[in-house]
PDB file of N, CA and C in Angstrom:
ATOM      1  N   MET A   1      17.750   3.080 -15.837  1.00  0.00           N
ATOM      2  CA  MET A   1      17.864   4.430 -16.609  1.00  0.00           C
ATOM      3  C   MET A   1      17.126   5.508 -16.513  1.00  0.00           C
ATOM      4  N   ALA A   2      17.613   6.562 -16.047  1.00  0.00           N
ATOM      5  CA  ALA A   2      16.929   7.904 -15.561  1.00  0.00           C
ATOM      6  C   ALA A   2      16.242   8.493 -16.948  1.00  0.00           C
ATOM      7  N   HIS A   3      17.026   8.510 -18.118  1.00  0.00           N
ATOM      8  CA  HIS A   3      16.111   8.869 -19.166  1.00  0.00           C
ATOM      9  C   HIS A   3      16.402   7.985 -20.595  1.00  0.00           C
ATOM     10  N   VAL A   4      15.204   7.976 -20.990  1.00  0.00           N
ATOM     11  CA  VAL A   4      14.940   7.222 -22.143  1.00  0.00           C
ATOM     12  C   VAL A   4      14.868   7.801 -23.343  1.00  0.00           C
ATOM     13  N   ASP A   5      15.632   7.632 -24.370  1.00  0.00           N
ATOM     14  CA  ASP A   5      15.675   8.395 -25.667  1.00  0.00           C
ATOM     15  C   ASP A   5      14.262   7.821 -26.268  1.00  0.00           C
ATOM     16  N   TRP A   6      13.728   9.312 -27.061  1.00  0.00           N
ATOM     17  CA  TRP A   6      12.481   9.278 -27.718  1.00  0.00           C
ATOM     18  C   TRP A   6      12.686   8.566 -28.959  1.00  0.00           C
ATOM     19  N   LYS A   7      11.289   7.601 -29.147  1.00  0.00           N
ATOM     20  CA  LYS A   7      11.355   6.930 -30.511  1.00  0.00           C
ATOM     21  C   LYS A   7       9.570   7.117 -30.777  1.00  0.00           C
ATOM     22  N   ALA A   8       9.390   6.860 -32.244  1.00  0.00           N
ATOM     23  CA  ALA A   8       8.176   6.662 -32.680  1.00  0.00           C
ATOM     24  C   ALA A   8       7.505   5.512 -32.254  1.00  0.00           C
ATOM     25  N   PHE A   9       6.289   5.559 -32.090  1.00  0.00           N
ATOM     26  CA  PHE A   9       5.401   4.844 -31.567  1.00  0.00           C
ATOM     27  C   PHE A   9       4.128   4.678 -32.076  1.00  0.00           C
ATOM     28  N   ASP A  10       3.529   3.565 -32.643  1.00  0.00           N
ATOM     29  CA  ASP A  10       2.148   3.868 -33.442  1.00  0.00           C
ATOM     30  C   ASP A  10       1.076   3.256 -32.172  1.00  0.00           C
ATOM     31  N   HIS A  11       0.437   4.173 -31.524  1.00  0.00           N
ATOM     32  CA  HIS A  11      -0.490   3.969 -30.608  1.00  0.00           C
ATOM     33  C   HIS A  11      -1.931   3.412 -31.189  1.00  0.00           C
ATOM     34  N   PRO A  12      -2.485   2.196 -30.608  1.00  0.00           N
ATOM     35  CA  PRO A  12      -3.743   2.109 -31.096  1.00  0.00           C
ATOM     36  C   PRO A  12      -4.736   3.138 -31.486  1.00  0.00           C
ATOM     37  N   ASP A  13      -4.824   4.300 -30.609  1.00  0.00           N
ATOM     38  CA  ASP A  13      -6.098   5.057 -30.574  1.00  0.00           C
ATOM     39  C   ASP A  13      -5.630   6.463 -31.045  1.00  0.00           C
ATOM     40  N   LEU A  14      -4.244   6.468 -30.564  1.00  0.00           N
ATOM     41  CA  LEU A  14      -4.159   7.810 -30.743  1.00  0.00           C
ATOM     42  C   LEU A  14      -3.190   8.338 -32.361  1.00  0.00           C
ATOM     43  N   GLY A  15      -2.659   6.931 -32.649  1.00  0.00           N
ATOM     44  CA  GLY A  15      -1.633   7.058 -34.122  1.00  0.00           C
ATOM     45  C   GLY A  15      -0.365   7.431 -33.319  1.00  0.00           C
ATOM     46  N   ALA A  16       0.453   7.813 -34.492  1.00  0.00           N
ATOM     47  CA  ALA A  16       1.932   8.170 -34.205  1.00  0.00           C
ATOM     48  C   ALA A  16       1.780   9.007 -33.424  1.00  0.00           C
ATOM     49  N   VAL A  17       3.067   8.516 -32.199  1.00  0.00           N
ATOM     50  CA  VAL A  17       3.454   9.279 -31.139  1.00  0.00           C
ATOM     51  C   VAL A  17       4.786   9.110 -31.044  1.00  0.00           C
ATOM     52  N   GLU A  18       5.559   9.791 -30.320  1.00  0.00           N
ATOM     53  CA  GLU A  18       6.603   9.631 -29.535  1.00  0.00           C
ATOM     54  C   GLU A  18       6.596   9.259 -28.072  1.00  0.00           C
ATOM     55  N   ILE A  19       7.304   8.354 -27.808  1.00  0.00           N
ATOM     56  CA  ILE A  19       7.323   8.040 -26.426  1.00  0.00           C
ATOM     57  C   ILE A  19       8.873   7.839 -25.838  1.00  0.00           C
ATOM     58  N   GLY A  20       8.968   8.138 -24.743  1.00  0.00           N
ATOM     59  CA  GLY A  20      10.617   8.308 -23.840  1.00  0.00           C
ATOM     60  C   GLY A  20      10.488   9.468 -22.877  1.00  0.00           C
ATOM     61  N   GLY A  21      11.709   9.947 -22.497  1.00  0.00           N
ATOM     62  CA  GLY A  21      11.671  11.119 -22.060  1.00  0.00           C
ATOM     63  C   GLY A  21      12.249  10.364 -20.347  1.00  0.00           C
ATOM     64  N   TRP A  22      12.231  11.381 -19.361  1.00  0.00           N
ATOM     65  CA  TRP A  22      12.525  10.731 -17.932  1.00  0.00           C
ATOM     66  C   TRP A  22      11.801  10.009 -17.547  1.00  0.00           C
ATOM     67  N   ASN A  23      12.556   8.687 -16.611  1.00  0.00           N
ATOM     68  CA  ASN A  23      11.766   7.656 -16.165  1.00  0.00           C
ATOM     69  C   ASN A  23      11.699   8.020 -14.641  1.00  0.00           C
ATOM     70  N   ARG A  24      10.526   8.548 -14.191  1.00  0.00           N
ATOM     71  CA  ARG A  24      10.292   9.391 -12.760  1.00  0.00           C
ATOM     72  C   ARG A  24      10.855   8.438 -11.758  1.00  0.00           C
ATOM     73  N   PHE A  25      10.722   7.305 -11.861  1.00  0.00           N
ATOM     74  CA  PHE A  25      11.035   6.361 -10.724  1.00  0.00           C
ATOM     75  C   PHE A  25      12.177   6.394 -10.566  1.00  0.00           C
ATOM     76  N   HIS A  26      13.022   6.098 -11.580  1.00  0.00           N
ATOM     77  CA  HIS A  26      14.320   6.054 -11.356  1.00  0.00           C
ATOM     78  C   HIS A  26      15.126   7.163 -11.301  1.00  0.00           C
ATOM     79  N   ALA A  27      14.494   8.448 -11.979  1.00  0.00           N
ATOM     80  CA  ALA A  27      15.333   9.944 -12.095  1.00  0.00           C
ATOM     81  C   ALA A  27      15.286  10.390 -10.434  1.00  0.00           C
ATOM     82  N   PHE A  28      14.179  10.491 -10.072  1.00  0.00           N
ATOM     83  CA  PHE A  28      13.772  11.293  -9.059  1.00  0.00           C
ATOM     84  C   PHE A  28      13.285  10.419  -7.811  1.00  0.00           C
ATOM     85  N   GLY A  29      13.187   9.234  -7.669  1.00  0.00           N
ATOM     86  CA  GLY A  29      12.391   8.802  -6.472  1.00  0.00           C
ATOM     87  C   GLY A  29      13.591   7.781  -6.010  1.00  0.00           C
ATOM     88  N   ASN A  30      14.608   6.926  -6.891  1.00  0.00           N
ATOM     89  CA  ASN A  30      15.597   6.104  -6.257  1.00  0.00           C
ATOM     90  C   ASN A  30      17.205   6.743  -6.359  1.00  0.00           C
ATOM     91  N   PRO A  31      18.037   6.339  -5.488  1.00  0.00           N
ATOM     92  CA  PRO A  31      19.369   6.316  -6.250  1.00  0.00           C
ATOM     93  C   PRO A  31      19.767   5.976  -7.582  1.00  0.00           C
ATOM     94  N   PRO A  32      20.778   6.082  -8.417  1.00  0.00           N
ATOM     95  CA  PRO A  32      20.983   5.545  -9.567  1.00  0.00           C
ATOM     96  C   PRO A  32      21.278   4.003  -9.000  1.00  0.00           C
ATOM     97  N   LEU A  33      21.054   3.100 -10.257  1.00  0.00           N
ATOM     98  CA  LEU A  33      21.145   1.740  -9.936  1.00  0.00           C
ATOM     99  C   LEU A  33      22.367   1.252  -9.340  1.00  0.00           C
ATOM    100  N   GLN A  34      23.338   1.880  -9.512  1.00  0.00           N
ATOM    101  CA  GLN A  34      24.756   1.053  -8.780  1.00  0.00           C
ATOM    102  C   GLN A  34      24.778   1.320  -7.398  1.00  0.00           C
ATOM    103  N   PHE A  35      24.140   2.608  -7.017  1.00  0.00           N
ATOM    104  CA  PHE A  35      23.795   2.637  -5.771  1.00  0.00           C
ATOM    105  C   PHE A  35      22.666   2.006  -4.571  1.00  0.00           C
ATOM    106  N   LEU A  36      21.766   1.382  -5.497  1.00  0.00           N
ATOM    107  CA  LEU A  36      20.229   1.167  -4.846  1.00  0.00           C
ATOM    108  C   LEU A  36      20.385   0.240  -3.975  1.00  0.00           C
ATOM    109  N   GLU A  37      21.485  -1.117  -4.304  1.00  0.00           N
ATOM    110  CA  GLU A  37      21.485  -2.071  -3.509  1.00  0.00           C
ATOM    111  C   GLU A  37      21.924  -1.668  -1.865  1.00  0.00           C
ATOM    112  N   ARG A  38      22.879  -0.993  -1.999  1.00  0.00           N
ATOM    113  CA  ARG A  38      23.683  -0.495  -0.515  1.00  0.00           C
ATOM    114  C   ARG A  38      22.894   0.524  -0.006  1.00  0.00           C
ATOM    115  N   GLU A  39      21.942   1.099  -0.611  1.00  0.00           N
ATOM    116  CA  GLU A  39      21.139   1.632   0.046  1.00  0.00           C
ATOM    117  C   GLU A  39      19.592   1.269   0.882  1.00  0.00           C
ATOM    118  N   VAL A  40      19.270   0.179   0.247  1.00  0.00           N
ATOM    119  CA  VAL A  40      18.092  -0.181   0.464  1.00  0.00           C
ATOM    120  C   VAL A  40      18.493  -1.308   1.747  1.00  0.00           C
ATOM    121  N   ALA A  41      20.147  -1.868   1.812  1.00  0.00           N
ATOM    122  CA  ALA A  41      20.454  -2.878   2.796  1.00  0.00           C
ATOM    123  C   ALA A  41      20.286  -2.086   3.962  1.00  0.00           C
ATOM    124  N   LYS A  42      20.128  -1.082   4.224  1.00  0.00           N
ATOM    125  CA  LYS A  42      20.282  -0.080   5.387  1.00  0.00           C
ATOM    126  C   LYS A  42      18.668  -0.629   6.189  1.00  0.00           C
ATOM    127  N   PHE A  43      17.684  -0.416   5.312  1.00  0.00           N
ATOM    128  CA  PHE A  43      16.618  -0.651   5.837  1.00  0.00           C
ATOM    129  C   PHE A  43      16.167  -1.778   6.842  1.00  0.00           C
ATOM    130  N   PRO A  44      16.339  -3.157   6.297  1.00  0.00           N
ATOM    131  CA  PRO A  44      15.974  -4.355   7.016  1.00  0.00           C
ATOM    132  C   PRO A  44      16.216  -4.283   8.659  1.00  0.00           C
ATOM    133  N   LYS A  45      17.366  -3.638   9.119  1.00  0.00           N
ATOM    134  CA  LYS A  45      17.659  -3.401  10.526  1.00  0.00           C
ATOM    135  C   LYS A  45      16.550  -2.466  11.150  1.00  0.00           C
ATOM    136  N   TRP A  46      16.818  -1.679  10.626  1.00  0.00           N
ATOM    137  CA  TRP A  46      16.027  -0.176  11.045  1.00  0.00           C
ATOM    138  C   TRP A  46      14.228  -0.805  11.326  1.00  0.00           C
ATOM    139  N   LEU A  47      13.926  -1.441  10.361  1.00  0.00           N
ATOM    140  CA  LEU A  47      12.342  -1.655  10.279  1.00  0.00           C
ATOM    141  C   LEU A  47      12.306  -2.775  11.462  1.00  0.00           C
ATOM    142  N   VAL A  48      12.997  -3.653  11.744  1.00  0.00           N
ATOM    143  CA  VAL A  48      13.191  -4.504  12.874  1.00  0.00           C
ATOM    144  C   VAL A  48      12.993  -3.977  13.980  1.00  0.00           C
ATOM    145  N   TRP A  49      14.246  -2.947  14.239  1.00  0.00           N
ATOM    146  CA  TRP A  49      13.956  -2.018  15.403  1.00  0.00           C
ATOM    147  C   TRP A  49      13.065  -1.662  15.620  1.00  0.00           C
ATOM    148  N   GLN A  50      12.287  -0.814  14.267  1.00  0.00           N
ATOM    149  CA  GLN A  50      11.065  -0.193  14.423  1.00  0.00           C
ATOM    150  C   GLN A  50       9.966  -0.944  14.988  1.00  0.00           C
ATOM    151  N   ALA A  51      10.158  -1.948  14.773  1.00  0.00           N
ATOM    152  CA  ALA A  51       8.925  -3.061  15.221  1.00  0.00           C
ATOM    153  C   ALA A  51       8.775  -3.458  16.486  1.00  0.00           C
ATOM    154  N   LEU A  52      10.086  -3.646  16.826  1.00  0.00           N
ATOM    155  CA  LEU A  52      10.246  -3.774  18.489  1.00  0.00           C
ATOM    156  C   LEU A  52       9.718  -2.863  19.068  1.00  0.00           C
ATOM    157  N   LEU A  53       9.673  -1.859  18.780  1.00  0.00           N
ATOM    158  CA  LEU A  53       9.515  -0.631  19.504  1.00  0.00           C
ATOM    159  C   LEU A  53       7.916  -0.375  19.849  1.00  0.00           C
ATOM    160  N   THR A  54       7.410  -0.908  18.880  1.00  0.00           N
ATOM    161  CA  THR A  54       5.697  -0.525  18.700  1.00  0.00           C
ATOM    162  C   THR A  54       5.288  -1.607  19.752  1.00  0.00           C
ATOM    163  N   PRO A  55       3.767  -1.067  20.419  1.00  0.00           N
ATOM    164  CA  PRO A  55       3.129  -2.175  21.288  1.00  0.00           C
ATOM    165  C   PRO A  55       2.579  -3.434  20.367  1.00  0.00           C
ATOM    166  N   LYS A  56       2.412  -4.419  20.921  1.00  0.00           N
ATOM    167  CA  LYS A  56       2.003  -5.394  20.481  1.00  0.00           C
ATOM    168  C   LYS A  56       0.595  -5.424  20.957  1.00  0.00           C
ATOM    169  N   LEU A  57      -0.502  -5.585  19.985  1.00  0.00           N
ATOM    170  CA  LEU A  57      -2.038  -5.389  20.146  1.00  0.00           C
ATOM    171  C   LEU A  57      -2.343  -7.017  20.388  1.00  0.00           C
ATOM    172  N   GLU A  58      -3.348  -7.283  21.594  1.00  0.00           N
ATOM    173  CA  GLU A  58      -3.619  -8.456  21.877  1.00  0.00           C
ATOM    174  C   GLU A  58      -5.238  -8.434  21.928  1.00  0.00           C
ATOM    175  N   LEU A  59      -5.899  -9.033  21.080  1.00  0.00           N
ATOM    176  CA  LEU A  59      -7.348  -9.211  21.083  1.00  0.00           C
ATOM    177  C   LEU A  59      -7.852 -10.157  22.061  1.00  0.00           C
ATOM    178  N   LEU A  60      -8.389  -9.646  22.987  1.00  0.00           N
ATOM    179  CA  LEU A  60      -9.023 -10.108  24.189  1.00  0.00           C
ATOM    180  C   LEU A  60     -10.779 -10.839  24.393  1.00  0.00           C
ATOM    181  N   ALA A  61     -11.227 -10.192  23.266  1.00  0.00           N
ATOM    182  CA  ALA A  61     -12.785 -10.531  23.162  1.00  0.00           C
ATOM    183  C   ALA A  61     -13.499  -9.945  22.229  1.00  0.00           C
ATOM    184  N   ARG A  62     -14.364 -10.535  21.752  1.00  0.00           N
ATOM    185  CA  ARG A  62     -15.459  -9.981  20.373  1.00  0.00           C
ATOM    186  C   ARG A  62     -16.707 -10.461  20.830  1.00  0.00           C
ATOM    187  N   ARG A  63     -17.592  -9.144  20.830  1.00  0.00           N
ATOM    188  CA  ARG A  63     -18.965  -9.734  21.196  1.00  0.00           C
ATOM    189  C   ARG A  63     -19.733  -9.115  19.835  1.00  0.00           C
ATOM    190  N   SER A  64     -20.948  -9.833  19.493  1.00  0.00           N
ATOM    191  CA  SER A  64     -21.740  -9.146  18.562  1.00  0.00           C
ATOM    192  C   SER A  64     -22.997  -8.882  18.692  1.00  0.00           C
ATOM    193  N   ARG A  65     -23.892  -8.153  18.450  1.00  0.00           N
ATOM    194  CA  ARG A  65     -24.953  -7.981  18.666  1.00  0.00           C
ATOM    195  C   ARG A  65     -26.015  -7.612  17.805  1.00  0.00           C
ATOM    196  N   SER A  66     -26.879  -8.580  17.017  1.00  0.00           N
ATOM    197  CA  SER A  66     -27.699  -8.482  16.215  1.00  0.00           C
ATOM    198  C   SER A  66     -28.524  -7.100  16.254  1.00  0.00           C
ATOM    199  N   ARG A  67     -28.691  -6.111  15.468  1.00  0.00           N
ATOM    200  CA  ARG A  67     -30.006  -5.056  15.518  1.00  0.00           C
ATOM    201  C   ARG A  67     -30.628  -5.026  14.271  1.00  0.00           C
ATOM    202  N   ARG A  68     -31.699  -5.049  14.072  1.00  0.00           N
ATOM    203  CA  ARG A  68     -32.573  -5.006  12.992  1.00  0.00           C
ATOM    204  C   ARG A  68     -32.654  -3.560  12.709  1.00  0.00           C
ATOM    205  N   GLN A  69     -32.629  -3.615  10.917  1.00  0.00           N
ATOM    206  CA  GLN A  69     -32.300  -2.354  10.365  1.00  0.00           C
ATOM    207  C   GLN A  69     -33.660  -1.887   9.790  1.00  0.00           C
ATOM    208  N   GLY A  70     -34.951  -2.795   9.655  1.00  0.00           N
ATOM    209  CA  GLY A  70     -35.989  -2.284   9.010  1.00  0.00           C
ATOM    210  C   GLY A  70     -36.848  -3.206   9.702  1.00  0.00           C
ATOM    211  N   HIS A  71     -38.287  -2.602   9.238  1.00  0.00           N
ATOM    212  CA  HIS A  71     -39.606  -3.504   9.948  1.00  0.00           C
ATOM    213  C   HIS A  71     -40.067  -4.675   9.422  1.00  0.00           C
ATOM    214  N   VAL A  72     -39.576  -4.585   7.835  1.00  0.00           N
ATOM    215  CA  VAL A  72     -40.234  -5.491   6.958  1.00  0.00           C
ATOM    216  C   VAL A  72     -39.983  -6.637   7.027  1.00  0.00           C
ATOM    217  N   ALA A  73     -40.237  -8.013   6.649  1.00  0.00           N
ATOM    218  CA  ALA A  73     -39.582  -8.960   6.901  1.00  0.00           C
ATOM    219  C   ALA A  73     -38.608  -9.346   5.587  1.00  0.00           C
ATOM    220  N   GLY A  74     -37.650  -9.753   5.667  1.00  0.00           N
ATOM    221  CA  GLY A  74     -36.482 -10.043   4.792  1.00  0.00           C
ATOM    222  C   GLY A  74     -35.757  -9.105   4.566  1.00  0.00           C
ATOM    223  N   THR A  75     -35.886  -7.815   5.222  1.00  0.00           N
ATOM    224  CA  THR A  75     -34.838  -6.960   5.058  1.00  0.00           C
ATOM    225  C   THR A  75     -33.565  -7.187   6.012  1.00  0.00           C
ATOM    226  N   SER A  76     -32.498  -6.326   5.375  1.00  0.00           N
ATOM    227  CA  SER A  76     -31.269  -6.945   6.022  1.00  0.00           C
ATOM    228  C   SER A  76     -30.956  -6.540   7.464  1.00  0.00           C
ATOM    229  N   SER A  77     -30.323  -6.957   8.402  1.00  0.00           N
ATOM    230  CA  SER A  77     -30.097  -6.870   9.725  1.00  0.00           C
ATOM    231  C   SER A  77     -28.405  -5.977  10.035  1.00  0.00           C
ATOM    232  N   LEU A  78     -28.400  -5.286  10.699  1.00  0.00           N
ATOM    233  CA  LEU A  78     -27.261  -4.390  11.185  1.00  0.00           C
ATOM    234  C   LEU A  78     -26.983  -5.183  12.529  1.00  0.00           C
ATOM    235  N   SER A  79     -25.462  -5.317  12.432  1.00  0.00           N
ATOM    236  CA  SER A  79     -24.671  -6.206  13.800  1.00  0.00           C
ATOM    237  C   SER A  79     -23.602  -5.022  14.224  1.00  0.00           C
ATOM    238  N   ARG A  80     -23.907  -5.100  15.643  1.00  0.00           N
ATOM    239  CA  ARG A  80     -22.818  -4.081  16.373  1.00  0.00           C
ATOM    240  C   ARG A  80     -21.683  -5.109  16.743  1.00  0.00           C
ATOM    241  N   ILE A  81     -20.307  -5.048  16.674  1.00  0.00           N
ATOM    242  CA  ILE A  81     -19.316  -5.739  16.874  1.00  0.00           C
ATOM    243  C   ILE A  81     -18.532  -4.837  17.810  1.00  0.00           C
ATOM    244  N   ARG A  82     -18.164  -5.465  18.797  1.00  0.00           N
ATOM    245  CA  ARG A  82     -17.052  -4.797  19.641  1.00  0.00           C
ATOM    246  C   ARG A  82     -15.871  -5.903  19.956  1.00  0.00           C
ATOM    247  N   ASP A  83     -14.905  -4.822  19.682  1.00  0.00           N
ATOM    248  CA  ASP A  83     -13.250  -5.956  20.347  1.00  0.00           C
ATOM    249  C   ASP A  83     -12.758  -5.276  21.797  1.00  0.00           C
ATOM    250  N   GLY A  84     -12.323  -6.183  22.649  1.00  0.00           N
ATOM    251  CA  GLY A  84     -11.627  -5.733  23.446  1.00  0.00           C
ATOM    252  C   GLY A  84     -10.079  -6.008  23.330  1.00  0.00           C
ATOM    253  N   CYS A  85      -9.442  -4.974  23.077  1.00  0.00           N
ATOM    254  CA  CYS A  85      -7.868  -5.317  22.844  1.00  0.00           C
ATOM    255  C   CYS A  85      -7.076  -4.292  23.837  1.00  0.00           C
ATOM    256  N   ARG A  86      -5.827  -4.989  24.311  1.00  0.00           N
ATOM    257  CA  ARG A  86      -5.024  -4.251  24.590  1.00  0.00           C
ATOM    258  C   ARG A  86      -3.648  -4.338  24.622  1.00  0.00           C
ATOM    259  N   ALA A  87      -2.568  -2.986  24.698  1.00  0.00           N
ATOM    260  CA  ALA A  87      -1.256  -3.109  24.094  1.00  0.00           C
ATOM    261  C   ALA A  87      -0.361  -3.617  25.146  1.00  0.00           C
ATOM    262  N   THR A  88       0.372  -4.605  24.767  1.00  0.00           N
ATOM    263  CA  THR A  88       1.395  -5.089  25.676  1.00  0.00           C
ATOM    264  C   THR A  88       2.906  -4.577  25.527  1.00  0.00           C
TER     265      THR A  88
END
């Protein structure tokens, strides 16, 4: 429903208010409900096609090296992590 009729509402903080008006999600972001299923049915095939076009990333190696952050005992340490990836 793109437009909701205005109605009185007792808000816990604001008191008496009116709520309603345009439902921006349905009115401006999507087609009318009777056309929505037909519209989104197009996307699964397109998404699979697009996914098949993108390169596959493969993690080849991961190395980490610990580096001290401070000189005082008990302080946190910092680690450097390097990944080796390739696209296939």
